């Protein structure tokens, strides 16, 4: 009987039943992908109405860093959106990014930050997003089509779009997080000190 079981035990061991090699860990999800999209709209979100004279923001579609299709108008239909135009090689972008990332976390789900990475390589964008803890969605704009629709010639630039899609302000050259915070409170968030 023992002799009959021995081939079965050996076969099970050879087929991987006794493997000591650990399974490789899957690679981390790309930063700036679908997992970074906002959650439900907060019930207590109070917004200032957009001026009736504000032009419509250029709507755009694209792909997030993980390939997920993205339509900007779907986001700003429900809440304000801050577009941050950047490149991984932009030193001004890098020097301001940590504070902008923190501001985006502060306003999470109330005001959505969306990065638009142009003139860049996908792997370098990933390195940049991870190094600066960017936790908001990022659209890859390799041909700079979105950049051109917003008249962005070089990074950084910031654009503020009101709920409903009105173009409120744009800042060529970008702006720092404390100034952007003040502008959000002045232009879009009602009841904020």
Protein backbone atom coordinates (compact mmCIF):
# COMPACT_ATOMS: atom_id res chain seq x y z
CA UNK A 1 0.00 0.00 0.00
CA UNK A 2 2.88 2.39 0.85
CA UNK A 3 4.47 1.71 -2.49
CA UNK A 4 1.20 2.61 -4.25
CA UNK A 5 0.95 6.00 -2.43
CA UNK A 6 4.55 7.03 -3.08
CA UNK A 7 4.02 7.81 -6.81
CA UNK A 8 0.93 9.89 -5.97
CA UNK A 9 2.83 11.96 -3.37
CA UNK A 10 5.72 12.51 -5.78
CA UNK A 11 3.35 13.53 -8.58
CA UNK A 12 1.59 16.04 -6.30
CA UNK A 13 4.94 17.54 -5.29
CA UNK A 14 6.07 17.84 -8.90
CA UNK A 15 2.79 19.49 -9.94
CA UNK A 16 3.32 22.37 -7.53
CA UNK A 17 1.59 21.11 -4.43
CA UNK A 18 4.67 21.88 -2.35
CA UNK A 19 6.01 25.03 -3.90
CA UNK A 20 8.18 27.31 -1.80
CA UNK A 21 8.42 30.05 -4.45
CA UNK A 22 6.16 32.95 -3.44
CA UNK A 23 3.73 34.34 -5.98
CA UNK A 24 4.98 37.64 -7.45
CA UNK A 25 3.06 40.67 -6.25
CA UNK A 26 1.00 42.39 -8.92
CA UNK A 27 2.31 45.80 -9.94
CA UNK A 28 0.65 48.75 -8.19
CA UNK A 29 -2.27 50.42 -9.96
CA UNK A 30 -1.16 53.43 -11.97
CA UNK A 31 -1.39 56.71 -10.06
CA UNK A 32 -3.90 59.12 -11.60
CA UNK A 33 -6.18 56.37 -12.90
CA UNK A 34 -9.84 55.52 -12.34
CA UNK A 35 -9.26 54.84 -8.63
CA UNK A 36 -8.55 58.57 -8.23
CA UNK A 37 -11.94 59.68 -9.57
CA UNK A 38 -14.16 61.40 -6.99
CA UNK A 39 -16.68 59.68 -4.78
CA UNK A 40 -20.29 60.71 -4.25
CA UNK A 41 -21.15 64.38 -4.17
CA UNK A 42 -21.23 65.65 -0.56
CA UNK A 43 -24.78 66.55 0.54
CA UNK A 44 -23.60 69.77 2.21
CA UNK A 45 -21.78 71.18 -0.82
CA UNK A 46 -22.68 74.88 -1.16
CA UNK A 47 -21.52 76.61 -4.33
CA UNK A 48 -21.61 80.15 -5.63
CA UNK A 49 -23.43 80.54 -8.95
CA UNK A 50 -21.19 81.14 -11.95
CA UNK A 51 -21.48 84.57 -13.54
CA UNK A 52 -23.83 84.56 -16.50
CA UNK A 53 -21.13 86.19 -18.61
CA UNK A 54 -18.61 83.37 -18.09
CA UNK A 55 -17.83 81.47 -21.30
CA UNK A 56 -18.19 77.70 -21.48
CA UNK A 57 -15.05 75.75 -20.74
CA UNK A 58 -13.79 73.69 -23.68
CA UNK A 59 -15.09 70.17 -23.06
CA UNK A 60 -12.62 67.39 -23.68
CA UNK A 61 -12.24 63.65 -23.51
CA UNK A 62 -9.13 61.58 -23.11
CA UNK A 63 -7.68 58.66 -21.24
CA UNK A 64 -6.49 58.57 -17.66
CA UNK A 65 -3.09 57.12 -16.82
CA UNK A 66 -4.57 53.62 -16.54
CA UNK A 67 -6.37 53.89 -19.91
CA UNK A 68 -9.82 54.61 -18.43
CA UNK A 69 -11.87 56.88 -20.73
CA UNK A 70 -12.44 60.33 -19.23
CA UNK A 71 -14.92 63.10 -20.08
CA UNK A 72 -14.36 66.40 -18.25
CA UNK A 73 -17.96 67.55 -18.75
CA UNK A 74 -19.21 64.59 -16.71
CA UNK A 75 -17.24 65.86 -13.70
CA UNK A 76 -18.09 69.53 -13.95
CA UNK A 77 -21.76 68.75 -14.45
CA UNK A 78 -21.88 68.10 -10.69
CA UNK A 79 -19.06 70.05 -9.06
CA UNK A 80 -16.26 72.57 -9.70
CA UNK A 81 -13.09 71.31 -11.37
CA UNK A 82 -9.51 72.57 -11.14
CA UNK A 83 -7.42 71.64 -14.17
CA UNK A 84 -3.69 71.55 -13.51
CA UNK A 85 -1.54 71.47 -16.65
CA UNK A 86 1.91 70.03 -15.94
CA UNK A 87 4.84 68.00 -17.22
CA UNK A 88 7.14 65.76 -15.22
CA UNK A 89 10.18 67.78 -16.34
CA UNK A 90 8.72 71.14 -15.20
CA UNK A 91 10.66 72.35 -12.14
CA UNK A 92 8.04 74.94 -11.17
CA UNK A 93 5.36 72.24 -11.34
CA UNK A 94 7.45 69.99 -9.10
CA UNK A 95 8.14 72.73 -6.54
CA UNK A 96 4.40 73.46 -6.14
CA UNK A 97 2.99 69.96 -6.53
CA UNK A 98 3.14 68.71 -2.92
CA UNK A 99 1.08 71.67 -1.70
CA UNK A 100 -1.39 71.32 -4.61
CA UNK A 101 -1.75 67.60 -3.83
CA UNK A 102 -2.52 68.46 -0.21
CA UNK A 103 -5.09 71.07 -1.30
CA UNK A 104 -6.72 68.49 -3.57
CA UNK A 105 -7.00 66.09 -0.61
CA UNK A 106 -8.56 68.88 1.48
CA UNK A 107 -11.29 69.50 -1.11
CA UNK A 108 -11.69 65.84 -2.11
CA UNK A 109 -15.11 65.20 -3.72
CA UNK A 110 -16.22 68.87 -3.34
CA UNK A 111 -13.81 70.35 -5.89
CA UNK A 112 -12.16 67.86 -8.19
CA UNK A 113 -8.59 68.42 -9.29
CA UNK A 114 -7.70 66.91 -12.66
CA UNK A 115 -4.15 66.85 -13.95
CA UNK A 116 -3.46 67.21 -17.66
CA UNK A 117 0.02 65.89 -18.46
CA UNK A 118 1.38 67.03 -21.80
CA UNK A 119 4.63 66.67 -23.75
CA UNK A 120 5.64 63.77 -21.54
CA UNK A 121 6.28 60.03 -21.33
CA UNK A 122 3.81 57.82 -19.42
CA UNK A 123 6.49 56.24 -17.20
CA UNK A 124 7.94 59.65 -16.29
CA UNK A 125 4.43 60.92 -15.46
CA UNK A 126 3.99 57.91 -13.15
CA UNK A 127 7.29 58.65 -11.40
CA UNK A 128 6.22 62.28 -10.95
CA UNK A 129 2.75 61.36 -9.61
CA UNK A 130 4.17 58.91 -7.08
CA UNK A 131 7.00 61.22 -5.98
CA UNK A 132 4.56 64.08 -5.32
CA UNK A 133 1.70 61.97 -3.93
CA UNK A 134 -0.76 63.07 -6.60
CA UNK A 135 -4.02 61.31 -5.76
CA UNK A 136 -6.34 62.92 -8.30
CA UNK A 137 -7.14 61.77 -11.84
CA UNK A 138 -4.62 62.63 -14.56
CA UNK A 139 -5.34 62.73 -18.29
CA UNK A 140 -2.46 62.02 -20.66
CA UNK A 141 -2.39 64.68 -23.39
CA UNK A 142 0.54 63.49 -25.48
CA UNK A 143 -0.45 65.53 -28.53
CA UNK A 144 -1.25 68.57 -26.36
CA UNK A 145 -4.73 68.80 -27.85
CA UNK A 146 -6.28 69.69 -24.50
CA UNK A 147 -3.46 72.12 -23.79
CA UNK A 148 -4.16 73.95 -27.05
CA UNK A 149 -7.91 74.13 -26.38
CA UNK A 150 -7.05 76.01 -23.16
CA UNK A 151 -4.29 78.10 -24.79
CA UNK A 152 -1.61 76.51 -22.58
CA UNK A 153 1.79 76.96 -24.18
CA UNK A 154 3.99 75.69 -21.37
CA UNK A 155 3.53 74.30 -17.89
CA UNK A 156 2.39 75.06 -15.32
CA UNK A 157 -1.09 76.43 -15.81
CA UNK A 158 -4.23 76.22 -13.70
CA UNK A 159 -7.83 76.61 -14.86
CA UNK A 160 -10.94 76.81 -12.68
CA UNK A 161 -14.23 75.53 -14.09
CA UNK A 162 -17.51 76.08 -12.20
CA UNK A 163 -20.18 73.47 -11.68
CA UNK A 164 -22.06 73.36 -14.97
CA UNK A 165 -18.97 74.06 -17.09
CA UNK A 166 -18.48 77.83 -16.94
CA UNK A 167 -14.85 78.86 -17.36
CA UNK A 168 -14.14 81.06 -14.32
CA UNK A 169 -10.41 81.78 -14.44
CA UNK A 170 -7.14 80.64 -15.86
CA UNK A 171 -3.63 81.26 -14.59
CA UNK A 172 -0.82 80.84 -17.13
CA UNK A 173 2.27 80.10 -15.08
CA UNK A 174 0.08 78.42 -12.47
CA UNK A 175 -0.28 79.60 -8.90
CA UNK A 176 0.65 78.37 -5.46
CA UNK A 177 -1.71 76.37 -3.25
CA UNK A 178 -2.54 79.14 -0.73
CA UNK A 179 -3.53 81.51 -3.55
CA UNK A 180 -5.58 78.80 -5.27
CA UNK A 181 -7.29 78.02 -1.95
CA UNK A 182 -8.31 81.69 -1.58
CA UNK A 183 -9.57 81.82 -5.16
CA UNK A 184 -11.66 78.66 -4.66
CA UNK A 185 -13.29 80.22 -1.61
CA UNK A 186 -13.92 83.50 -3.46
CA UNK A 187 -15.16 82.06 -6.75
CA UNK A 188 -16.88 78.74 -6.15
CA UNK A 189 -17.38 77.73 -2.53
CA UNK A 190 -20.27 79.44 -0.74
CA UNK A 191 -20.16 79.78 3.04
CA UNK A 192 -16.39 79.30 3.26
CA UNK A 193 -14.32 81.69 5.38
